[in-house]
Protein backbone atom coordinates (compact mmCIF):
# COMPACT_ATOMS: atom_id res chain seq x y z
CA MET A 1 6.92 -26.80 -9.32
CA THR A 2 4.94 -27.77 -5.98
CA SER A 3 2.46 -25.53 -4.08
CA ARG A 4 5.59 -25.91 -1.36
CA PRO A 5 8.39 -25.28 -3.18
CA ARG A 6 11.57 -27.03 -1.84
CA VAL A 7 14.04 -24.00 -0.38
CA ALA A 8 17.19 -25.25 0.67
CA VAL A 9 18.59 -23.10 3.53
CA LEU A 10 22.33 -24.12 4.18
CA ASP A 11 23.87 -25.50 6.87
CA TYR A 12 27.48 -25.03 7.26
CA GLY A 13 27.52 -25.61 11.25
CA ILE A 14 27.38 -22.01 12.22
CA GLY A 15 24.73 -20.69 14.90
CA ASN A 16 20.55 -20.81 15.30
CA LEU A 17 20.07 -21.72 11.64
CA ARG A 18 16.75 -23.34 12.59
CA SER A 19 14.97 -20.15 13.56
CA ALA A 20 14.77 -19.59 9.55
CA GLN A 21 14.05 -22.81 7.94
CA LYS A 22 10.65 -22.18 10.16
CA ALA A 23 10.13 -18.83 9.79
CA LEU A 24 10.35 -20.13 5.98
CA GLU A 25 8.05 -23.20 6.34
CA ARG A 26 5.44 -20.89 8.69
CA VAL A 27 4.57 -18.90 4.83
CA GLY A 28 4.39 -22.20 3.28
CA ALA A 29 8.10 -23.27 1.52
CA ASP A 30 9.23 -27.01 1.83
CA ALA A 31 11.83 -25.23 3.45
CA VAL A 32 14.90 -28.34 4.67
CA LEU A 33 18.39 -27.34 6.88
CA THR A 34 20.91 -29.31 4.79
CA ALA A 35 24.52 -29.37 4.42
CA ASP A 36 24.47 -31.86 1.16
CA ALA A 37 24.99 -30.25 -2.02
CA ARG A 38 22.84 -32.78 -3.98
CA ILE A 39 19.63 -31.74 -2.48
CA ALA A 40 20.55 -28.10 -2.78
CA ALA A 41 21.46 -28.17 -6.07
CA SER A 42 18.28 -29.62 -6.80
CA ALA A 43 15.96 -26.73 -4.62
CA ASP A 44 13.72 -24.22 -5.75
CA ALA A 45 15.33 -21.55 -3.68
CA VAL A 46 18.35 -21.54 -1.57
CA VAL A 47 18.84 -19.42 1.45
CA LEU A 48 22.27 -18.32 2.88
CA PRO A 49 22.40 -16.95 6.49
CA GLY A 50 24.83 -15.88 8.68
CA VAL A 51 25.81 -14.75 12.46
CA GLY A 52 28.89 -14.23 14.21
CA ALA A 53 31.56 -13.24 12.28
CA PHE A 54 32.25 -12.80 8.97
CA GLY A 55 35.57 -15.05 8.62
CA ALA A 56 34.50 -17.81 10.97
CA CYS A 57 30.98 -18.22 8.66
CA MET A 58 33.24 -17.73 4.97
CA ASN A 59 35.88 -20.19 6.31
CA ALA A 60 32.72 -22.39 7.95
CA LEU A 61 31.31 -22.37 4.12
CA ARG A 62 34.24 -23.19 2.58
CA THR A 63 34.99 -26.36 4.88
CA ALA A 64 31.67 -27.85 4.63
CA GLY A 65 32.24 -27.26 1.15
CA LEU A 66 29.07 -25.09 0.37
CA GLU A 67 30.86 -22.24 -1.68
CA SER A 68 30.53 -24.04 -4.83
CA VAL A 69 26.36 -24.93 -4.02
CA VAL A 70 25.91 -20.67 -3.75
CA HIS A 71 27.77 -19.75 -6.86
CA GLU A 72 25.55 -22.61 -8.48
CA SER A 73 22.74 -21.80 -7.20
CA VAL A 74 23.22 -18.24 -8.35
CA ALA A 75 24.48 -19.44 -12.01
CA ARG A 76 21.29 -21.43 -12.64
CA GLY A 77 18.94 -18.33 -11.60
CA VAL A 78 17.01 -19.83 -8.61
CA PRO A 79 15.61 -17.13 -6.43
CA PHE A 80 18.95 -17.11 -3.57
CA MET A 81 18.41 -14.98 -0.66
CA GLY A 82 21.50 -13.89 2.05
CA ILE A 83 20.37 -13.08 5.57
CA CYS A 84 22.50 -10.67 8.28
CA VAL A 85 26.54 -12.29 7.85
CA GLY A 86 25.08 -14.88 4.74
CA MET A 87 24.36 -11.27 3.15
CA GLN A 88 27.83 -10.06 4.30
CA MET A 89 29.28 -13.26 2.98
CA LEU A 90 27.86 -12.00 -0.51
CA PHE A 91 30.30 -9.23 -0.95
CA ASP A 92 33.99 -9.39 -2.04
CA SER A 93 35.73 -8.78 1.36
CA SER A 94 34.87 -7.27 4.50
CA GLN A 95 36.64 -4.68 7.05
CA GLU A 96 36.58 -7.54 9.92
CA ASP A 97 38.33 -10.08 8.28
CA GLU A 98 40.39 -8.28 5.55
CA THR A 99 42.95 -11.59 4.99
CA THR A 100 39.50 -13.60 4.16
CA THR A 101 37.80 -13.29 1.07
CA GLY A 102 33.68 -13.24 0.25
CA LEU A 103 32.04 -14.47 -2.65
CA GLY A 104 32.16 -11.93 -4.55
CA ILE A 105 28.73 -12.36 -5.75
CA ILE A 106 27.67 -8.16 -5.15
CA PRO A 107 30.65 -6.42 -5.76
CA GLY A 108 31.70 -3.84 -3.21
CA SER A 109 32.72 -4.56 0.84
CA VAL A 110 31.54 -4.74 4.27
CA GLN A 111 32.35 -1.71 6.13
CA TRP A 112 32.37 -0.89 10.44
CA LEU A 113 29.77 1.50 11.22
CA SER A 114 30.79 4.95 12.45
CA THR A 115 31.79 4.34 16.24
CA ASP A 116 29.53 7.63 16.38
CA VAL A 117 26.79 5.05 17.37
CA PRO A 118 26.56 2.29 19.44
CA ARG A 119 27.86 -0.84 17.90
CA PRO A 120 26.49 -3.20 17.21
CA GLN A 121 23.30 -1.61 16.37
CA MET A 122 20.50 -4.47 17.89
CA GLN A 123 17.50 -2.51 17.68
CA TRP A 124 13.95 -2.01 15.68
CA ASN A 125 14.65 0.81 12.50
CA GLN A 126 12.51 2.05 9.89
CA LEU A 127 14.13 0.98 6.37
CA ASN A 128 13.49 3.34 3.23
CA ILE A 129 12.75 1.17 0.43
CA THR A 130 15.06 3.04 -2.70
CA LYS A 131 13.99 -0.03 -4.80
CA ASN A 132 10.73 -1.26 -5.68
CA ASP A 133 10.68 -4.74 -5.84
CA VAL A 134 8.54 -7.56 -5.45
CA LEU A 135 9.88 -9.25 -1.94
CA PHE A 136 8.52 -5.79 -0.43
CA SER A 137 5.10 -6.45 -1.96
CA GLY A 138 2.45 -5.32 0.57
CA LEU A 139 5.18 -4.34 2.93
CA ASP A 140 4.11 -0.67 4.44
CA GLU A 141 5.79 2.47 2.91
CA ASN A 142 8.74 2.57 5.97
CA PRO A 143 8.34 -1.03 7.42
CA TRP A 144 10.17 -1.91 11.12
CA MET A 145 12.43 -4.25 10.52
CA TYR A 146 15.33 -6.28 13.37
CA PHE A 147 18.69 -5.95 13.39
CA VAL A 148 22.15 -7.24 14.78
CA HIS A 149 25.04 -5.77 13.25
CA SER A 150 28.13 -3.63 13.43
CA LEU A 151 29.08 -3.80 9.68
CA HIS A 152 27.52 -3.07 6.29
CA GLY A 153 27.59 -3.43 2.63
CA VAL A 154 29.04 -0.67 0.08
CA PRO A 155 28.32 -1.85 -3.36
CA THR A 156 30.69 -1.33 -6.31
CA ASN A 157 27.05 -0.43 -7.63
CA SER A 158 24.58 1.86 -6.14
CA ASN A 159 21.88 0.33 -8.43
CA ASP A 160 22.16 -2.81 -5.94
CA VAL A 161 20.81 -1.37 -3.03
CA ALA A 162 17.20 -1.84 -2.53
CA ALA A 163 16.85 -0.68 1.22
CA THR A 164 18.48 1.83 3.50
CA VAL A 165 18.67 2.88 7.37
CA HIS A 166 18.99 6.21 8.89
CA TYR A 167 21.21 4.88 11.90
CA GLY A 168 23.78 7.72 12.53
CA GLU A 169 24.16 7.59 8.74
CA THR A 170 22.39 6.39 6.26
CA LEU A 171 23.41 2.72 6.08
CA ASN A 172 22.58 -0.07 3.20
CA VAL A 173 20.43 -2.97 4.38
CA ALA A 174 19.19 -4.37 1.50
CA PHE A 175 20.04 -5.18 -1.87
CA ARG A 176 19.27 -6.91 -4.91
CA ARG A 177 21.15 -8.42 -8.17
CA GLY A 178 19.46 -10.36 -10.41
CA ASN A 179 18.07 -13.19 -9.16
CA VAL A 180 19.71 -12.54 -5.98
CA PHE A 181 18.11 -10.28 -2.38
CA ALA A 182 20.11 -10.20 0.37
CA THR A 183 19.38 -8.22 4.12
CA GLN A 184 21.23 -7.24 6.60
CA PHE A 185 18.18 -7.53 8.96
CA HIS A 186 16.32 -10.46 10.32
CA PRO A 187 13.24 -10.86 9.02
CA GLU A 188 12.66 -14.27 10.53
CA LYS A 189 12.76 -12.15 13.57
CA SER A 190 10.84 -9.30 12.69
CA ALA A 191 7.39 -10.47 13.46
CA THR A 192 4.77 -9.81 10.26
CA ALA A 193 6.58 -7.63 8.27
CA GLY A 194 9.10 -9.81 8.28
CA LEU A 195 7.02 -12.95 7.86
CA ARG A 196 5.28 -11.09 4.54
CA LEU A 197 8.50 -10.70 3.20
CA LEU A 198 10.06 -14.43 3.38
CA GLU A 199 6.13 -15.01 2.22
CA ASN A 200 6.61 -13.01 -1.02
CA PHE A 201 10.41 -14.80 -1.54
CA VAL A 202 8.39 -18.10 -1.39
CA LYS A 203 5.33 -16.52 -3.92
CA SER A 204 8.62 -15.72 -6.26
CA VAL A 205 9.99 -19.29 -6.28
CA THR A 206 6.16 -20.36 -7.23
CA ALA A 207 6.39 -17.38 -10.00
CA SER A 208 9.74 -18.32 -11.07
């Protein structure tokens, strides 16, 4: 393991994924934006970002030939992170597009926010950390993170939830399942707290 672990940020042709790559570089990773399955397979960790719609992102991931890369990375036990729609894609399904299956790594579904609140939630919000996780090390008790989303994950097993927020109701916004950590919020856009979370992710790669 080098002092700067190689982190593959999966590039499947949607949105601006470079911000996640640049943030990971800033906190100590040798982060590479790649659509090459061979590069991802040899990486020390893998990040799946995502913006836009669940169905479009899943279709793009499959068209790029990267769905198997996600499953293989999770199976070989390397640190894996999903961000925003990348988090949603880890679930079995989403109400946003019920004709498209997800990756099935976190059992459960992605569900719409209540119509009683503005959708999307586009704001800073405070986390309620529900699981003692290394990625929250050094953060405040209720750190502020930045959100842009209209859906949230509802896992079959509530023990997979690592953090929630209040937005009209309690929403699940961070998850831990084995070597997989996933966030609905954008750590790369969440200033000091978000960068600290990403730094903790990079440190967990070095320690693994």
